[in-house]
Amino acid sequence: MNDVASTSNRRHAAVIYNPIKIDLDAMKAVVGHEETENDWDQTIWLSTSEDDPGQGRAAEALESGASVVIVAGGDGTVRAVAEGLKDGAVPLALIPSGTGNLLARNLDLSLDDVELSVHTAFTGVDRKIDLGMLEITRADGAKTSHVFLVMAGLGLDAKMLANTDDDLKKKAGWLAYVTALATTLRDKHELRFRYSLNRGPTRATRAHTIIVANCGSLPSNIVLLPDAAVDDGQFDIALLRPEGFVGWVQIFVKVIWENGVLRRTRAGRALMTGEVSALRYVRAEELSIRLERPEQIELDGDGFGEAAAFDVRVNPGGLTIKFPSSS
């Protein structure tokens, strides 16, 4: 069952897994059961590594003729594999195994039922979601291209990731971000930049944080962008622009109380306020940003170094995901 392409006419799956995130023997037992039940050929098992977090392994899965690519890992592994799947013709099935599992959360997929997740990989229905396509320009002019599935951001979230102790994150999960958040909030630096939406006029502005989102929810059911949808062909963009303590209170009330609580009921929605000055929402299919100075950037919860500029566009229906057949 190791890294060998099938030579029969039956379908086969490829599992791309982060070896430090899963119980491999238990996973192989569940996958083996589904192979037998659904008359599939032997699965190909492909481990990620520091040198290949998923892109190369995804290419191997495609070359093998896999009918589905199963990803067992966190958001970073999912993002890397999606980047390697190219045109989205082969569906991706998620076995959430990370700290945040933001894509799975936003898609309302099971987070802790391996049997159901694997069953979905073999028997589920296909649904297309959008992909974020991003090109980062570095301070020296070098350019790198990436995809993202959940969010890309500069400011608070990117700096928080840069300030997070990796060893503590492995031991304490999301609690590791608390110290990093406190450190980051003491940084009074604002982002100053020029931007263009949908190739329109270029404007100059400033903000504390920029979030370009394909999905709207964060861990702990925090709804940052309540109107974001993974299949609407648009990004939802949030600009956080707090002016001191009062501004942060406005953001907290809007995100935690209004988006997270009031929005859930008709009576609550009637009590919601309009847009506040500290938090602005816009929507677009394309966004170009040129920063006054290089800033930390993150994609789907992983830091990607400093960007002097970036260009992002949505690829509608660029990735196919397996969902339970009853959903």
C-alpha atoms as a PDB file:
ATOM      1  CA  MET A   1       0.000   0.000   0.000  1.00  0.00           C
ATOM      2  CA  ASN A   2       3.004   2.316  -0.314  1.00  0.00           C
ATOM      3  CA  ASP A   3       3.593   4.836  -3.106  1.00  0.00           C
ATOM      4  CA  VAL A   4       2.702   2.405  -5.911  1.00  0.00           C
ATOM      5  CA  ALA A   5       0.295   3.354  -8.670  1.00  0.00           C
ATOM      6  CA  SER A   6      -2.555   0.968  -9.448  1.00  0.00           C
ATOM      7  CA  THR A   7      -2.380  -1.085 -12.633  1.00  0.00           C
ATOM      8  CA  SER A   8      -6.019  -2.290 -12.571  1.00  0.00           C
ATOM      9  CA  ASN A   9      -9.063  -0.581 -14.013  1.00  0.00           C
ATOM     10  CA  ARG A  10     -10.575   0.018 -10.590  1.00  0.00           C
ATOM     11  CA  ARG A  11     -10.484   3.429  -8.982  1.00  0.00           C
ATOM     12  CA  HIS A  12      -7.963   4.223  -6.283  1.00  0.00           C
ATOM     13  CA  ALA A  13      -7.415   7.005  -3.770  1.00  0.00           C
ATOM     14  CA  ALA A  14      -4.249   8.822  -2.774  1.00  0.00           C
ATOM     15  CA  VAL A  15      -3.746   9.917   0.833  1.00  0.00           C
ATOM     16  CA  ILE A  16      -1.379  12.832   1.416  1.00  0.00           C
ATOM     17  CA  TYR A  17      -0.677  13.047   5.123  1.00  0.00           C
ATOM     18  CA  ASN A  18       1.351  15.054   7.595  1.00  0.00           C
ATOM     19  CA  PRO A  19       3.180  12.337   9.575  1.00  0.00           C
ATOM     20  CA  ILE A  20       3.233  14.320  12.808  1.00  0.00           C
ATOM     21  CA  LYS A  21      -0.513  15.007  12.709  1.00  0.00           C
ATOM     22  CA  ILE A  22      -2.075  11.547  12.339  1.00  0.00           C
ATOM     23  CA  ASP A  23      -2.130   7.997  13.703  1.00  0.00           C
ATOM     24  CA  LEU A  24      -1.043   6.327  10.469  1.00  0.00           C
ATOM     25  CA  ASP A  25      -1.907   2.734  11.431  1.00  0.00           C
ATOM     26  CA  ALA A  26      -5.412   3.711  12.532  1.00  0.00           C
ATOM     27  CA  MET A  27      -5.909   5.752   9.366  1.00  0.00           C
ATOM     28  CA  LYS A  28      -4.793   2.875   7.143  1.00  0.00           C
ATOM     29  CA  ALA A  29      -7.259   0.552   8.848  1.00  0.00           C
ATOM     30  CA  VAL A  30     -10.187   2.894   8.191  1.00  0.00           C
ATOM     31  CA  VAL A  31      -9.134   3.531   4.588  1.00  0.00           C
ATOM     32  CA  GLY A  32      -8.639  -0.197   3.995  1.00  0.00           C
ATOM     33  CA  HIS A  33     -12.184  -0.879   5.157  1.00  0.00           C
ATOM     34  CA  GLU A  34     -13.610   1.691   2.718  1.00  0.00           C
ATOM     35  CA  GLU A  35     -11.497   0.266  -0.131  1.00  0.00           C
ATOM     36  CA  THR A  36     -13.068  -3.142   0.405  1.00  0.00           C
ATOM     37  CA  GLU A  37     -16.608  -1.881   0.922  1.00  0.00           C
ATOM     38  CA  ASN A  38     -16.530   0.226  -2.254  1.00  0.00           C
ATOM     39  CA  ASP A  39     -14.457  -2.139  -4.437  1.00  0.00           C
ATOM     40  CA  TRP A  40     -11.579   0.316  -4.925  1.00  0.00           C
ATOM     41  CA  ASP A  41      -7.988  -0.621  -5.596  1.00  0.00           C
ATOM     42  CA  GLN A  42      -5.200  -0.118  -3.060  1.00  0.00           C
ATOM     43  CA  THR A  43      -4.633   3.413  -1.856  1.00  0.00           C
ATOM     44  CA  ILE A  44      -1.380   5.273  -2.473  1.00  0.00           C
ATOM     45  CA  TRP A  45       0.133   6.785   0.687  1.00  0.00           C
ATOM     46  CA  LEU A  46       2.249   9.935   0.314  1.00  0.00           C
ATOM     47  CA  SER A  47       3.887  11.629   3.301  1.00  0.00           C
ATOM     48  CA  THR A  48       4.612  15.353   3.388  1.00  0.00           C
ATOM     49  CA  SER A  49       7.963  16.685   4.563  1.00  0.00           C
ATOM     50  CA  GLU A  50       9.724  19.971   5.222  1.00  0.00           C
ATOM     51  CA  ASP A  51      10.996  19.924   1.651  1.00  0.00           C
ATOM     52  CA  ASP A  52       7.585  19.037   0.194  1.00  0.00           C
ATOM     53  CA  PRO A  53       4.646  20.251   2.301  1.00  0.00           C
ATOM     54  CA  GLY A  54       2.182  18.953  -0.281  1.00  0.00           C
ATOM     55  CA  GLN A  55       2.564  20.444  -3.755  1.00  0.00           C
ATOM     56  CA  GLY A  56       4.889  17.758  -5.095  1.00  0.00           C
ATOM     57  CA  ARG A  57       2.917  14.984  -3.449  1.00  0.00           C
ATOM     58  CA  ALA A  58      -0.255  16.302  -5.080  1.00  0.00           C
ATOM     59  CA  ALA A  59       1.461  16.099  -8.471  1.00  0.00           C
ATOM     60  CA  GLU A  60       2.394  12.471  -7.745  1.00  0.00           C
ATOM     61  CA  ALA A  61      -1.213  11.711  -6.822  1.00  0.00           C
ATOM     62  CA  LEU A  62      -2.421  13.181 -10.104  1.00  0.00           C
ATOM     63  CA  GLU A  63       0.179  11.256 -12.095  1.00  0.00           C
ATOM     64  CA  SER A  64      -0.985   8.022 -10.467  1.00  0.00           C
ATOM     65  CA  GLY A  65      -4.508   8.573 -11.795  1.00  0.00           C
ATOM     66  CA  ALA A  66      -6.100   8.864  -8.347  1.00  0.00           C
ATOM     67  CA  SER A  67      -9.862   9.408  -8.368  1.00  0.00           C
ATOM     68  CA  VAL A  68      -9.737  11.345  -5.103  1.00  0.00           C
ATOM     69  CA  VAL A  69      -6.940  12.965  -3.103  1.00  0.00           C
ATOM     70  CA  ILE A  70      -7.419  12.627   0.654  1.00  0.00           C
ATOM     71  CA  VAL A  71      -5.567  15.170   2.802  1.00  0.00           C
ATOM     72  CA  ALA A  72      -4.851  14.350   6.430  1.00  0.00           C
ATOM     73  CA  GLY A  73      -3.283  17.402   8.037  1.00  0.00           C
ATOM     74  CA  GLY A  74      -3.845  20.989   9.070  1.00  0.00           C
ATOM     75  CA  ASP A  75      -4.747  24.035   7.002  1.00  0.00           C
ATOM     76  CA  GLY A  76      -1.172  24.445   5.808  1.00  0.00           C
ATOM     77  CA  THR A  77      -1.092  20.929   4.361  1.00  0.00           C
ATOM     78  CA  VAL A  78      -4.500  21.387   2.759  1.00  0.00           C
ATOM     79  CA  ARG A  79      -3.378  24.663   1.194  1.00  0.00           C
ATOM     80  CA  ALA A  80      -0.179  23.125  -0.196  1.00  0.00           C
ATOM     81  CA  VAL A  81      -2.007  20.142  -1.684  1.00  0.00           C
ATOM     82  CA  ALA A  82      -4.667  22.383  -3.218  1.00  0.00           C
ATOM     83  CA  GLU A  83      -1.861  24.395  -4.807  1.00  0.00           C
ATOM     84  CA  GLY A  84      -0.628  21.202  -6.456  1.00  0.00           C
ATOM     85  CA  LEU A  85      -3.995  20.041  -7.750  1.00  0.00           C
ATOM     86  CA  LYS A  86      -3.963  22.651 -10.520  1.00  0.00           C
ATOM     87  CA  ASP A  87      -7.350  22.795 -12.253  1.00  0.00           C
ATOM     88  CA  GLY A  88      -9.542  21.163  -9.590  1.00  0.00           C
ATOM     89  CA  ALA A  89     -10.579  18.242 -11.814  1.00  0.00           C
ATOM     90  CA  VAL A  90      -9.687  15.671  -9.114  1.00  0.00           C
ATOM     91  CA  PRO A  91     -11.682  16.135  -5.882  1.00  0.00           C
ATOM     92  CA  LEU A  92     -10.068  16.775  -2.519  1.00  0.00           C
ATOM     93  CA  ALA A  93     -11.330  15.079   0.650  1.00  0.00           C
ATOM     94  CA  LEU A  94     -10.455  16.464   4.078  1.00  0.00           C
ATOM     95  CA  ILE A  95      -9.388  14.527   7.173  1.00  0.00           C
ATOM     96  CA  PRO A  96      -8.958  17.473   9.582  1.00  0.00           C
ATOM     97  CA  SER A  97      -5.860  16.910  11.713  1.00  0.00           C
ATOM     98  CA  GLY A  98      -4.497  20.341  12.634  1.00  0.00           C
ATOM     99  CA  THR A  99      -4.892  23.085  15.196  1.00  0.00           C
ATOM    100  CA  GLY A 100      -7.348  25.366  13.417  1.00  0.00           C
ATOM    101  CA  ASN A 101      -8.897  23.285  10.622  1.00  0.00           C
ATOM    102  CA  LEU A 102     -10.425  26.524   9.351  1.00  0.00           C
ATOM    103  CA  LEU A 103     -11.458  25.251   5.933  1.00  0.00           C
ATOM    104  CA  ALA A 104     -13.240  22.227   7.393  1.00  0.00           C
ATOM    105  CA  ARG A 105     -14.954  24.441   9.975  1.00  0.00           C
ATOM    106  CA  ASN A 106     -16.166  26.872   7.335  1.00  0.00           C
ATOM    107  CA  LEU A 107     -17.445  24.020   5.180  1.00  0.00           C
ATOM    108  CA  ASP A 108     -19.251  22.462   8.181  1.00  0.00           C
ATOM    109  CA  LEU A 109     -17.345  19.205   7.743  1.00  0.00           C
ATOM    110  CA  SER A 110     -16.717  16.817  10.611  1.00  0.00           C
ATOM    111  CA  LEU A 111     -13.633  17.705  12.654  1.00  0.00           C
ATOM    112  CA  ASP A 112     -13.275  14.625  14.850  1.00  0.00           C
ATOM    113  CA  ASP A 113     -14.921  11.683  13.062  1.00  0.00           C
ATOM    114  CA  VAL A 114     -12.241   9.962  10.994  1.00  0.00           C
ATOM    115  CA  GLU A 115     -14.571   7.171   9.901  1.00  0.00           C
ATOM    116  CA  LEU A 116     -17.117   9.633   8.510  1.00  0.00           C
ATOM    117  CA  SER A 117     -14.449  11.731   6.824  1.00  0.00           C
ATOM    118  CA  VAL A 118     -12.903   8.714   5.098  1.00  0.00           C
ATOM    119  CA  HIS A 119     -16.340   7.380   4.142  1.00  0.00           C
ATOM    120  CA  THR A 120     -17.072  10.764   2.560  1.00  0.00           C
ATOM    121  CA  ALA A 121     -13.850  10.552   0.562  1.00  0.00           C
ATOM    122  CA  PHE A 122     -14.989   7.309  -1.062  1.00  0.00           C
ATOM    123  CA  THR A 123     -18.758   7.895  -1.331  1.00  0.00           C
ATOM    124  CA  GLY A 124     -19.351  11.643  -1.048  1.00  0.00           C
ATOM    125  CA  VAL A 125     -20.586  14.167  -3.587  1.00  0.00           C
ATOM    126  CA  ASP A 126     -18.435  16.742  -5.364  1.00  0.00           C
ATOM    127  CA  ARG A 127     -18.850  20.460  -4.764  1.00  0.00           C
ATOM    128  CA  LYS A 128     -16.726  23.214  -6.254  1.00  0.00           C
ATOM    129  CA  ILE A 129     -15.386  26.058  -4.145  1.00  0.00           C
ATOM    130  CA  ASP A 130     -13.359  29.145  -5.025  1.00  0.00           C
ATOM    131  CA  LEU A 131      -9.591  29.423  -4.822  1.00  0.00           C
ATOM    132  CA  GLY A 132      -7.600  32.509  -3.945  1.00  0.00           C
ATOM    133  CA  MET A 133      -4.724  33.110  -6.377  1.00  0.00           C
ATOM    134  CA  LEU A 134      -2.049  35.376  -4.941  1.00  0.00           C
ATOM    135  CA  GLU A 135       1.253  36.763  -6.211  1.00  0.00           C
ATOM    136  CA  ILE A 136       3.606  38.227  -3.612  1.00  0.00           C
ATOM    137  CA  THR A 137       6.221  40.794  -4.616  1.00  0.00           C
ATOM    138  CA  ARG A 138       9.196  40.897  -2.257  1.00  0.00           C
ATOM    139  CA  ALA A 139      11.310  43.912  -1.361  1.00  0.00           C
ATOM    140  CA  ASP A 140      13.971  42.877  -3.906  1.00  0.00           C
ATOM    141  CA  GLY A 141      11.380  42.563  -6.685  1.00  0.00           C
ATOM    142  CA  ALA A 142      11.224  38.759  -6.628  1.00  0.00           C
ATOM    143  CA  LYS A 143       7.735  37.293  -7.114  1.00  0.00           C
ATOM    144  CA  THR A 144       6.191  34.092  -5.766  1.00  0.00           C
ATOM    145  CA  SER A 145       2.757  32.650  -6.576  1.00  0.00           C
ATOM    146  CA  HIS A 146       0.498  30.802  -4.143  1.00  0.00           C
ATOM    147  CA  VAL A 147      -3.090  29.776  -3.536  1.00  0.00           C
ATOM    148  CA  PHE A 148      -5.166  30.118  -0.393  1.00  0.00           C
ATOM    149  CA  LEU A 149      -8.496  28.658   0.654  1.00  0.00           C
ATOM    150  CA  VAL A 150      -9.441  30.543   3.802  1.00  0.00           C
ATOM    151  CA  MET A 151      -7.768  33.928   4.272  1.00  0.00           C
ATOM    152  CA  ALA A 152      -4.754  36.010   3.366  1.00  0.00           C
ATOM    153  CA  GLY A 153      -3.791  38.791   5.706  1.00  0.00           C
ATOM    154  CA  LEU A 154      -1.391  41.537   6.679  1.00  0.00           C
ATOM    155  CA  GLY A 155      -1.200  43.293  10.022  1.00  0.00           C
ATOM    156  CA  LEU A 156      -2.551  41.812  13.243  1.00  0.00           C
ATOM    157  CA  ASP A 157      -2.919  38.187  12.113  1.00  0.00           C
ATOM    158  CA  ALA A 158       0.376  37.992  10.208  1.00  0.00           C
ATOM    159  CA  LYS A 159       2.335  39.666  13.026  1.00  0.00           C
ATOM    160  CA  MET A 160       0.652  37.403  15.569  1.00  0.00           C
ATOM    161  CA  LEU A 161       1.830  34.353  13.639  1.00  0.00           C
ATOM    162  CA  ALA A 162       5.346  35.787  13.424  1.00  0.00           C
ATOM    163  CA  ASN A 163       5.331  36.316  17.197  1.00  0.00           C
ATOM    164  CA  THR A 164       3.997  32.829  18.035  1.00  0.00           C
ATOM    165  CA  ASP A 165       6.359  30.291  19.575  1.00  0.00           C
ATOM    166  CA  ASP A 166       6.177  27.173  17.371  1.00  0.00           C
ATOM    167  CA  ASP A 167       7.056  24.777  20.208  1.00  0.00           C
ATOM    168  CA  LEU A 168       4.343  26.257  22.421  1.00  0.00           C
ATOM    169  CA  LYS A 169       1.836  26.024  19.561  1.00  0.00           C
ATOM    170  CA  LYS A 170       2.543  22.286  19.230  1.00  0.00           C
ATOM    171  CA  LYS A 171       1.900  21.781  22.946  1.00  0.00           C
ATOM    172  CA  ALA A 172      -0.916  24.243  23.626  1.00  0.00           C
ATOM    173  CA  GLY A 173      -2.642  24.738  20.281  1.00  0.00           C
ATOM    174  CA  TRP A 174      -4.535  28.006  19.965  1.00  0.00           C
ATOM    175  CA  LEU A 175      -3.627  29.045  23.525  1.00  0.00           C
ATOM    176  CA  ALA A 176      -0.142  29.738  22.172  1.00  0.00           C
ATOM    177  CA  TYR A 177      -1.552  32.700  20.262  1.00  0.00           C
ATOM    178  CA  VAL A 178      -2.621  34.546  23.427  1.00  0.00           C
ATOM    179  CA  THR A 179       0.899  35.720  24.315  1.00  0.00           C
ATOM    180  CA  ALA A 180       1.577  36.504  20.672  1.00  0.00           C
ATOM    181  CA  LEU A 181      -1.632  38.537  20.453  1.00  0.00           C
ATOM    182  CA  ALA A 182      -0.678  40.591  23.501  1.00  0.00           C
ATOM    183  CA  THR A 183       2.731  41.315  21.958  1.00  0.00           C
ATOM    184  CA  THR A 184       1.184  42.235  18.632  1.00  0.00           C
ATOM    185  CA  LEU A 185      -1.412  44.616  20.056  1.00  0.00           C
ATOM    186  CA  ARG A 186       1.402  46.691  21.550  1.00  0.00           C
ATOM    187  CA  ASP A 187       2.637  47.357  18.007  1.00  0.00           C
ATOM    188  CA  LYS A 188       1.185  50.743  17.053  1.00  0.00           C
ATOM    189  CA  HIS A 189       2.466  50.619  13.475  1.00  0.00           C
ATOM    190  CA  GLU A 190      -0.179  51.063  10.783  1.00  0.00           C
ATOM    191  CA  LEU A 191      -0.128  49.697   7.270  1.00  0.00           C
ATOM    192  CA  ARG A 192       0.072  52.463   4.692  1.00  0.00           C
ATOM    193  CA  PHE A 193      -0.645  51.398   1.138  1.00  0.00           C
ATOM    194  CA  ARG A 194      -2.142  52.059  -2.258  1.00  0.00           C
ATOM    195  CA  TYR A 195      -4.827  49.694  -3.491  1.00  0.00           C
ATOM    196  CA  SER A 196      -7.017  48.955  -6.474  1.00  0.00           C
ATOM    197  CA  LEU A 197     -10.237  46.915  -6.536  1.00  0.00           C
ATOM    198  CA  ASN A 198     -11.169  45.017  -9.715  1.00  0.00           C
ATOM    199  CA  ARG A 199      -8.485  46.913 -11.684  1.00  0.00           C
ATOM    200  CA  GLY A 200     -10.213  50.197 -10.908  1.00  0.00           C
ATOM    201  CA  PRO A 201      -8.716  53.502  -9.736  1.00  0.00           C
ATOM    202  CA  THR A 202      -5.778  53.397  -7.342  1.00  0.00           C
ATOM    203  CA  ARG A 203      -6.386  54.920  -3.922  1.00  0.00           C
ATOM    204  CA  ALA A 204      -4.217  55.509  -0.871  1.00  0.00           C
ATOM    205  CA  THR A 205      -5.300  54.596   2.668  1.00  0.00           C
ATOM    206  CA  ARG A 206      -4.088  53.134   5.937  1.00  0.00           C
ATOM    207  CA  ALA A 207      -5.253  50.326   8.195  1.00  0.00           C
ATOM    208  CA  HIS A 208      -4.098  48.261  11.139  1.00  0.00           C
ATOM    209  CA  THR A 209      -4.976  44.961   9.437  1.00  0.00           C
ATOM    210  CA  ILE A 210      -6.111  43.743   6.009  1.00  0.00           C
ATOM    211  CA  ILE A 211      -7.930  40.418   5.611  1.00  0.00           C
ATOM    212  CA  VAL A 212      -8.794  39.008   2.172  1.00  0.00           C
ATOM    213  CA  ALA A 213     -11.184  36.139   2.836  1.00  0.00           C
ATOM    214  CA  ASN A 214     -12.721  33.249   0.980  1.00  0.00           C
ATOM    215  CA  CYS A 215     -14.276  32.084   4.275  1.00  0.00           C
ATOM    216  CA  GLY A 216     -15.576  34.152   7.152  1.00  0.00           C
ATOM    217  CA  SER A 217     -15.227  32.160  10.396  1.00  0.00           C
ATOM    218  CA  LEU A 218     -12.269  31.839  12.768  1.00  0.00           C
ATOM    219  CA  PRO A 219     -11.722  29.356  15.639  1.00  0.00           C
ATOM    220  CA  SER A 220     -14.048  29.589  18.668  1.00  0.00           C
ATOM    221  CA  ASN A 221     -16.932  30.454  16.289  1.00  0.00           C
ATOM    222  CA  ILE A 222     -15.667  33.992  15.756  1.00  0.00           C
ATOM    223  CA  VAL A 223     -17.365  35.303  12.619  1.00  0.00           C
ATOM    224  CA  LEU A 224     -15.083  37.951  11.153  1.00  0.00           C
ATOM    225  CA  LEU A 225     -16.771  38.251   7.750  1.00  0.00           C
ATOM    226  CA  PRO A 226     -20.388  37.097   8.055  1.00  0.00           C
ATOM    227  CA  ASP A 227     -21.247  37.383   4.355  1.00  0.00           C
ATOM    228  CA  ALA A 228     -18.233  35.463   3.037  1.00  0.00           C
ATOM    229  CA  ALA A 229     -19.055  32.360   0.992  1.00  0.00           C
ATOM    230  CA  VAL A 230     -16.664  29.843  -0.527  1.00  0.00           C
ATOM    231  CA  ASP A 231     -18.508  29.616  -3.833  1.00  0.00           C
ATOM    232  CA  ASP A 232     -19.726  33.127  -4.685  1.00  0.00           C
ATOM    233  CA  GLY A 233     -16.822  34.100  -6.971  1.00  0.00           C
ATOM    234  CA  GLN A 234     -15.811  37.006  -4.720  1.00  0.00           C
ATOM    235  CA  PHE A 235     -13.535  37.848  -1.830  1.00  0.00           C
ATOM    236  CA  ASP A 236     -14.815  39.537   1.306  1.00  0.00           C
ATOM    237  CA  ILE A 237     -12.207  42.039   2.466  1.00  0.00           C
ATOM    238  CA  ALA A 238     -11.982  43.473   5.966  1.00  0.00           C
ATOM    239  CA  LEU A 239     -10.000  46.580   6.897  1.00  0.00           C
ATOM    240  CA  LEU A 240      -9.430  47.016  10.629  1.00  0.00           C
ATOM    241  CA  ARG A 241      -8.785  50.677  11.422  1.00  0.00           C
ATOM    242  CA  PRO A 242      -9.160  51.157  15.196  1.00  0.00           C
ATOM    243  CA  GLU A 243      -8.385  54.539  16.714  1.00  0.00           C
ATOM    244  CA  GLY A 244      -7.202  53.577  20.178  1.00  0.00           C
ATOM    245  CA  PHE A 245      -9.162  51.643  22.794  1.00  0.00           C
ATOM    246  CA  VAL A 246     -12.580  52.779  21.553  1.00  0.00           C
ATOM    247  CA  GLY A 247     -11.839  51.452  18.092  1.00  0.00           C
ATOM    248  CA  TRP A 248     -10.951  48.017  19.432  1.00  0.00           C
ATOM    249  CA  VAL A 249     -14.183  48.018  21.435  1.00  0.00           C
ATOM    250  CA  GLN A 250     -16.120  48.766  18.233  1.00  0.00           C
ATOM    251  CA  ILE A 251     -14.430  45.845  16.485  1.00  0.00           C
ATOM    252  CA  PHE A 252     -15.036  43.513  19.428  1.00  0.00           C
ATOM    253  CA  VAL A 253     -18.735  44.408  19.617  1.00  0.00           C
ATOM    254  CA  LYS A 254     -19.195  44.077  15.865  1.00  0.00           C
ATOM    255  CA  VAL A 255     -17.363  40.761  15.468  1.00  0.00           C
ATOM    256  CA  ILE A 256     -18.038  38.940  18.744  1.00  0.00           C
ATOM    257  CA  TRP A 257     -21.463  40.256  19.727  1.00  0.00           C
ATOM    258  CA  GLU A 258     -23.226  41.269  16.530  1.00  0.00           C
ATOM    259  CA  ASN A 259     -21.732  38.794  14.041  1.00  0.00           C
ATOM    260  CA  GLY A 260     -21.444  35.957  16.524  1.00  0.00           C
ATOM    261  CA  VAL A 261     -24.666  36.346  18.537  1.00  0.00           C
ATOM    262  CA  LEU A 262     -27.222  38.828  17.209  1.00  0.00           C
ATOM    263  CA  ARG A 263     -26.981  37.707  13.583  1.00  0.00           C
ATOM    264  CA  ARG A 264     -28.240  34.230  14.483  1.00  0.00           C
ATOM    265  CA  THR A 265     -31.870  35.315  15.036  1.00  0.00           C
ATOM    266  CA  ARG A 266     -34.303  37.640  13.265  1.00  0.00           C
ATOM    267  CA  ALA A 267     -34.859  39.621  16.463  1.00  0.00           C
ATOM    268  CA  GLY A 268     -31.113  39.931  16.961  1.00  0.00           C
ATOM    269  CA  ARG A 269     -30.520  41.119  13.403  1.00  0.00           C
ATOM    270  CA  ALA A 270     -32.986  43.934  13.995  1.00  0.00           C
ATOM    271  CA  LEU A 271     -30.727  45.202  16.797  1.00  0.00           C
ATOM    272  CA  MET A 272     -27.539  45.237  14.745  1.00  0.00           C
ATOM    273  CA  THR A 273     -25.848  48.549  14.006  1.00  0.00           C
ATOM    274  CA  GLY A 274     -24.481  49.723  10.674  1.00  0.00           C
ATOM    275  CA  GLU A 275     -20.840  49.838   9.607  1.00  0.00           C
ATOM    276  CA  VAL A 276     -18.451  51.251  12.196  1.00  0.00           C
ATOM    277  CA  SER A 277     -15.438  53.391  11.395  1.00  0.00           C
ATOM    278  CA  ALA A 278     -13.009  50.892  12.920  1.00  0.00           C
ATOM    279  CA  LEU A 279     -14.104  48.012  10.660  1.00  0.00           C
ATOM    280  CA  ARG A 280     -14.837  48.346   6.963  1.00  0.00           C
ATOM    281  CA  TYR A 281     -16.027  45.595   4.639  1.00  0.00           C
ATOM    282  CA  VAL A 282     -15.709  45.547   0.848  1.00  0.00           C
ATOM    283  CA  ARG A 283     -16.106  42.830  -1.805  1.00  0.00           C
ATOM    284  CA  ALA A 284     -14.111  42.248  -4.971  1.00  0.00           C
ATOM    285  CA  GLU A 285     -12.897  39.666  -7.467  1.00  0.00           C
ATOM    286  CA  GLU A 286      -9.422  41.212  -7.641  1.00  0.00           C
ATOM    287  CA  LEU A 287      -7.294  43.317  -5.308  1.00  0.00           C
ATOM    288  CA  SER A 288      -3.864  44.889  -5.816  1.00  0.00           C
ATOM    289  CA  ILE A 289      -1.936  46.409  -2.913  1.00  0.00           C
ATOM    290  CA  ARG A 290       1.365  48.314  -2.892  1.00  0.00           C
ATOM    291  CA  LEU A 291       2.722  48.854   0.613  1.00  0.00           C
ATOM    292  CA  GLU A 292       4.723  51.823   1.843  1.00  0.00           C
ATOM    293  CA  ARG A 293       7.155  49.374   3.440  1.00  0.00           C
ATOM    294  CA  PRO A 294       7.381  45.541   3.449  1.00  0.00           C
ATOM    295  CA  GLU A 295       4.993  43.829   5.865  1.00  0.00           C
ATOM    296  CA  GLN A 296       4.453  40.300   7.182  1.00  0.00           C
ATOM    297  CA  ILE A 297       1.858  38.314   5.206  1.00  0.00           C
ATOM    298  CA  GLU A 298       0.052  35.095   6.083  1.00  0.00           C
ATOM    299  CA  LEU A 299      -1.948  32.568   4.050  1.00  0.00           C
ATOM    300  CA  ASP A 300      -4.357  30.158   5.744  1.00  0.00           C
ATOM    301  CA  GLY A 301      -2.610  30.530   9.086  1.00  0.00           C
ATOM    302  CA  ASP A 302       0.984  30.164   7.892  1.00  0.00           C
ATOM    303  CA  GLY A 303       3.497  32.992   7.676  1.00  0.00           C
ATOM    304  CA  PHE A 304       4.920  33.714   4.221  1.00  0.00           C
ATOM    305  CA  GLY A 305       7.522  36.328   5.099  1.00  0.00           C
ATOM    306  CA  GLU A 306       7.399  39.980   4.074  1.00  0.00           C
ATOM    307  CA  ALA A 307       5.544  41.402   1.101  1.00  0.00           C
ATOM    308  CA  ALA A 308       6.230  44.754  -0.515  1.00  0.00           C
ATOM    309  CA  ALA A 309       3.129  44.288  -2.672  1.00  0.00           C
ATOM    310  CA  PHE A 310       0.648  41.611  -3.624  1.00  0.00           C
ATOM    311  CA  ASP A 311      -1.996  40.929  -6.244  1.00  0.00           C
ATOM    312  CA  VAL A 312      -4.872  38.586  -5.545  1.00  0.00           C
ATOM    313  CA  ARG A 313      -7.729  37.287  -7.678  1.00  0.00           C
ATOM    314  CA  VAL A 314     -10.433  34.717  -7.198  1.00  0.00           C
ATOM    315  CA  ASN A 315     -10.544  31.536  -9.277  1.00  0.00           C
ATOM    316  CA  PRO A 316     -14.255  30.639  -9.206  1.00  0.00           C
ATOM    317  CA  GLY A 317     -14.833  26.935  -8.661  1.00  0.00           C
ATOM    318  CA  GLY A 318     -11.094  26.303  -8.758  1.00  0.00           C
ATOM    319  CA  LEU A 319     -11.152  23.385  -6.307  1.00  0.00           C
ATOM    320  CA  THR A 320     -13.486  20.395  -5.918  1.00  0.00           C
ATOM    321  CA  ILE A 321     -14.249  19.174  -2.373  1.00  0.00           C
ATOM    322  CA  LYS A 322     -15.911  15.936  -1.261  1.00  0.00           C
ATOM    323  CA  PHE A 323     -18.977  16.414   0.935  1.00  0.00           C
ATOM    324  CA  PRO A 324     -21.098  13.767   2.673  1.00  0.00           C
ATOM    325  CA  SER A 325     -23.686  12.473   0.226  1.00  0.00           C
ATOM    326  CA  SER A 326     -26.480  13.381   2.643  1.00  0.00           C
ATOM    327  CA  SER A 327     -25.375  17.047   2.983  1.00  0.00           C
END
